[in-house]
Amino acid sequence: MSEWADPELLVGAWLRDTLSVKVWVDPKPPTNKWTTAPWLWVQRGQGGDTLALTLDDVLLDCDAYAANADHARQLGQKAWAAMTLQLPKHTFSNGVFVTSSTCFSRPAWAPDPQYRRAAAYRLILHSLIP
């Protein structure tokens, strides 16, 4: 199950559907990143560890990008609300469920040529052994 090894795929798709926004999960951003509407970049952060075969403790970086500062700020806030209020106790279609989703570092400005709000979230994911 590739989603288990890469929770950014699960959470990225969930954020895309929940917020109706473009979400990028690949390691290299799109070349036209500043010519499109605001978007999120979700990547597995450093740290966290697999605790057991059916349990994963993961840090996810979730950065909001936009050509306009207000748009980056608004999208970062929407992502924060979704990650902390809606994602806990969510079950994905493949059976992986989220028992905890907490904010590790709230959305804050980060260096970038345009506008970027960076945040990190700690998730505890569970799955049944296939």
C-alpha atoms as a PDB file:
ATOM      1  CA  MET A   1       0.000   0.000   0.000  1.00  0.00           C
ATOM      2  CA  SER A   2       1.946   3.023  -1.242  1.00  0.00           C
ATOM      3  CA  GLU A   3      -0.172   5.491   0.717  1.00  0.00           C
ATOM      4  CA  TRP A   4       0.992   3.972   3.996  1.00  0.00           C
ATOM      5  CA  ALA A   5       4.650   4.635   3.216  1.00  0.00           C
ATOM      6  CA  ASP A   6       3.849   8.119   1.904  1.00  0.00           C
ATOM      7  CA  PRO A   7       1.128   9.719   4.037  1.00  0.00           C
ATOM      8  CA  GLU A   8       1.524  12.974   2.098  1.00  0.00           C
ATOM      9  CA  LEU A   9      -0.313  11.227  -0.762  1.00  0.00           C
ATOM     10  CA  LEU A  10      -3.298  10.474   1.483  1.00  0.00           C
ATOM     11  CA  VAL A  11      -3.382  13.837   3.215  1.00  0.00           C
ATOM     12  CA  GLY A  12      -2.616  15.773   0.017  1.00  0.00           C
ATOM     13  CA  ALA A  13      -5.574  14.193  -1.773  1.00  0.00           C
ATOM     14  CA  TRP A  14      -7.767  14.781   1.284  1.00  0.00           C
ATOM     15  CA  LEU A  15      -6.787  18.473   1.443  1.00  0.00           C
ATOM     16  CA  ARG A  16      -7.397  18.847  -2.314  1.00  0.00           C
ATOM     17  CA  ASP A  17     -10.909  17.444  -1.939  1.00  0.00           C
ATOM     18  CA  THR A  18     -11.697  19.169   1.372  1.00  0.00           C
ATOM     19  CA  LEU A  19     -10.486  22.662   0.429  1.00  0.00           C
ATOM     20  CA  SER A  20     -11.049  22.462  -3.359  1.00  0.00           C
ATOM     21  CA  VAL A  21      -7.514  23.700  -3.943  1.00  0.00           C
ATOM     22  CA  LYS A  22      -4.512  22.583  -5.967  1.00  0.00           C
ATOM     23  CA  VAL A  23      -2.158  20.410  -3.872  1.00  0.00           C
ATOM     24  CA  TRP A  24       1.354  19.354  -4.879  1.00  0.00           C
ATOM     25  CA  VAL A  25       2.975  16.312  -3.213  1.00  0.00           C
ATOM     26  CA  ASP A  26       5.963  15.673  -5.480  1.00  0.00           C
ATOM     27  CA  PRO A  27       9.427  16.776  -4.314  1.00  0.00           C
ATOM     28  CA  LYS A  28       9.858  19.383  -7.067  1.00  0.00           C
ATOM     29  CA  PRO A  29       7.226  22.137  -7.419  1.00  0.00           C
ATOM     30  CA  PRO A  30       5.613  22.873 -10.773  1.00  0.00           C
ATOM     31  CA  THR A  31       7.512  25.250 -13.057  1.00  0.00           C
ATOM     32  CA  ASN A  32       4.519  27.600 -13.308  1.00  0.00           C
ATOM     33  CA  LYS A  33       3.990  27.809  -9.530  1.00  0.00           C
ATOM     34  CA  TRP A  34       3.511  31.596  -9.457  1.00  0.00           C
ATOM     35  CA  THR A  35       1.197  31.869 -12.460  1.00  0.00           C
ATOM     36  CA  THR A  36      -1.608  29.794 -10.972  1.00  0.00           C
ATOM     37  CA  ALA A  37      -4.067  30.179  -8.103  1.00  0.00           C
ATOM     38  CA  PRO A  38      -2.836  29.667  -4.526  1.00  0.00           C
ATOM     39  CA  TRP A  39      -1.768  26.091  -3.841  1.00  0.00           C
ATOM     40  CA  LEU A  40      -0.499  23.815  -1.077  1.00  0.00           C
ATOM     41  CA  TRP A  41       2.704  21.789  -1.027  1.00  0.00           C
ATOM     42  CA  VAL A  42       2.537  18.764   1.291  1.00  0.00           C
ATOM     43  CA  GLN A  43       5.750  16.873   2.091  1.00  0.00           C
ATOM     44  CA  ARG A  44       6.774  14.453   4.799  1.00  0.00           C
ATOM     45  CA  GLY A  45       8.960  16.400   7.213  1.00  0.00           C
ATOM     46  CA  GLN A  46      12.120  15.342   8.969  1.00  0.00           C
ATOM     47  CA  GLY A  47      11.630  13.340  12.131  1.00  0.00           C
ATOM     48  CA  GLY A  48       8.870  11.076  13.248  1.00  0.00           C
ATOM     49  CA  ASP A  49       9.258   7.344  13.187  1.00  0.00           C
ATOM     50  CA  THR A  50       7.308   4.216  12.477  1.00  0.00           C
ATOM     51  CA  LEU A  51       6.218   3.010  15.891  1.00  0.00           C
ATOM     52  CA  ALA A  52       4.795  -0.392  14.970  1.00  0.00           C
ATOM     53  CA  LEU A  53       3.652  -2.206  11.859  1.00  0.00           C
ATOM     54  CA  THR A  54       0.150  -0.736  12.107  1.00  0.00           C
ATOM     55  CA  LEU A  55       1.018   2.671  13.548  1.00  0.00           C
ATOM     56  CA  ASP A  56       2.798   5.667  12.015  1.00  0.00           C
ATOM     57  CA  ASP A  57       3.845   8.911  13.700  1.00  0.00           C
ATOM     58  CA  VAL A  58       4.503  11.411  10.916  1.00  0.00           C
ATOM     59  CA  LEU A  59       5.376  15.083  10.596  1.00  0.00           C
ATOM     60  CA  LEU A  60       3.921  16.715   7.493  1.00  0.00           C
ATOM     61  CA  ASP A  61       5.053  20.084   6.168  1.00  0.00           C
ATOM     62  CA  CYS A  62       2.125  21.905   4.588  1.00  0.00           C
ATOM     63  CA  ASP A  63       3.105  25.148   2.877  1.00  0.00           C
ATOM     64  CA  ALA A  64       0.698  27.579   1.218  1.00  0.00           C
ATOM     65  CA  TYR A  65       2.054  29.443  -1.828  1.00  0.00           C
ATOM     66  CA  ALA A  66       0.554  32.393  -3.654  1.00  0.00           C
ATOM     67  CA  ALA A  67       1.544  35.390  -5.745  1.00  0.00           C
ATOM     68  CA  ASN A  68      -0.470  37.557  -3.322  1.00  0.00           C
ATOM     69  CA  ALA A  69       0.287  37.711   0.440  1.00  0.00           C
ATOM     70  CA  ASP A  70      -3.387  37.727   1.486  1.00  0.00           C
ATOM     71  CA  HIS A  71      -4.098  34.619  -0.590  1.00  0.00           C
ATOM     72  CA  ALA A  72      -1.178  32.751   0.997  1.00  0.00           C
ATOM     73  CA  ARG A  73      -2.321  33.826   4.467  1.00  0.00           C
ATOM     74  CA  GLN A  74      -5.934  32.741   3.841  1.00  0.00           C
ATOM     75  CA  LEU A  75      -4.973  29.373   2.365  1.00  0.00           C
ATOM     76  CA  GLY A  76      -2.545  28.682   5.215  1.00  0.00           C
ATOM     77  CA  GLN A  77      -5.337  29.403   7.715  1.00  0.00           C
ATOM     78  CA  LYS A  78      -7.821  27.170   5.859  1.00  0.00           C
ATOM     79  CA  ALA A  79      -5.297  24.329   5.788  1.00  0.00           C
ATOM     80  CA  TRP A  80      -4.612  24.800   9.515  1.00  0.00           C
ATOM     81  CA  ALA A  81      -8.334  24.595  10.338  1.00  0.00           C
ATOM     82  CA  ALA A  82      -8.805  21.492   8.174  1.00  0.00           C
ATOM     83  CA  MET A  83      -5.748  19.707   9.568  1.00  0.00           C
ATOM     84  CA  THR A  84      -6.562  20.413  13.225  1.00  0.00           C
ATOM     85  CA  LEU A  85     -10.374  20.362  13.257  1.00  0.00           C
ATOM     86  CA  GLN A  86     -11.484  18.032  10.453  1.00  0.00           C
ATOM     87  CA  LEU A  87      -8.681  15.511   9.937  1.00  0.00           C
ATOM     88  CA  PRO A  88      -8.590  13.965  13.438  1.00  0.00           C
ATOM     89  CA  LYS A  89     -10.682  10.758  13.566  1.00  0.00           C
ATOM     90  CA  HIS A  90     -10.935  10.690   9.737  1.00  0.00           C
ATOM     91  CA  THR A  91     -10.820   7.315   7.967  1.00  0.00           C
ATOM     92  CA  PHE A  92      -9.441   7.212   4.422  1.00  0.00           C
ATOM     93  CA  SER A  93     -10.939   4.947   1.752  1.00  0.00           C
ATOM     94  CA  ASN A  94      -8.039   2.458   2.095  1.00  0.00           C
ATOM     95  CA  GLY A  95      -8.775   1.901   5.808  1.00  0.00           C
ATOM     96  CA  VAL A  96      -5.998   4.083   7.228  1.00  0.00           C
ATOM     97  CA  PHE A  97      -7.410   6.261   9.984  1.00  0.00           C
ATOM     98  CA  VAL A  98      -6.118   9.333  11.800  1.00  0.00           C
ATOM     99  CA  THR A  99      -6.236   9.152  15.583  1.00  0.00           C
ATOM    100  CA  SER A 100      -4.448  12.463  16.112  1.00  0.00           C
ATOM    101  CA  SER A 101      -3.606  15.532  14.044  1.00  0.00           C
ATOM    102  CA  THR A 102      -1.969  18.364  15.927  1.00  0.00           C
ATOM    103  CA  CYS A 103      -0.229  21.508  14.814  1.00  0.00           C
ATOM    104  CA  PHE A 104       3.533  21.264  15.351  1.00  0.00           C
ATOM    105  CA  SER A 105       4.187  24.806  14.074  1.00  0.00           C
ATOM    106  CA  ARG A 106       1.394  27.154  13.014  1.00  0.00           C
ATOM    107  CA  PRO A 107       1.387  28.836   9.587  1.00  0.00           C
ATOM    108  CA  ALA A 108       4.087  31.516   9.495  1.00  0.00           C
ATOM    109  CA  TRP A 109       5.898  33.420   6.775  1.00  0.00           C
ATOM    110  CA  ALA A 110       8.865  31.574   5.291  1.00  0.00           C
ATOM    111  CA  PRO A 111      11.525  32.726   2.815  1.00  0.00           C
ATOM    112  CA  ASP A 112      10.506  32.445  -0.812  1.00  0.00           C
ATOM    113  CA  PRO A 113      10.619  34.608  -3.960  1.00  0.00           C
ATOM    114  CA  GLN A 114       6.886  35.300  -3.602  1.00  0.00           C
ATOM    115  CA  TYR A 115       4.633  34.475  -0.617  1.00  0.00           C
ATOM    116  CA  ARG A 116       4.771  31.295   1.438  1.00  0.00           C
ATOM    117  CA  ARG A 117       3.103  30.328   4.715  1.00  0.00           C
ATOM    118  CA  ALA A 118       4.832  27.273   6.195  1.00  0.00           C
ATOM    119  CA  ALA A 119       3.316  24.993   8.822  1.00  0.00           C
ATOM    120  CA  ALA A 120       3.974  21.505  10.191  1.00  0.00           C
ATOM    121  CA  TYR A 121       1.544  18.955  11.592  1.00  0.00           C
ATOM    122  CA  ARG A 122       2.059  15.764  13.588  1.00  0.00           C
ATOM    123  CA  LEU A 123      -0.265  12.919  12.643  1.00  0.00           C
ATOM    124  CA  ILE A 124      -0.767   9.517  14.203  1.00  0.00           C
ATOM    125  CA  LEU A 125      -2.042   7.080  11.562  1.00  0.00           C
ATOM    126  CA  HIS A 126      -3.346   3.559  12.124  1.00  0.00           C
ATOM    127  CA  SER A 127      -4.045   0.742   9.721  1.00  0.00           C
ATOM    128  CA  LEU A 128      -5.055  -2.872   9.861  1.00  0.00           C
ATOM    129  CA  ILE A 129      -2.499  -5.439   8.794  1.00  0.00           C
ATOM    130  CA  PRO A 130      -3.437  -6.585   5.255  1.00  0.00           C
END
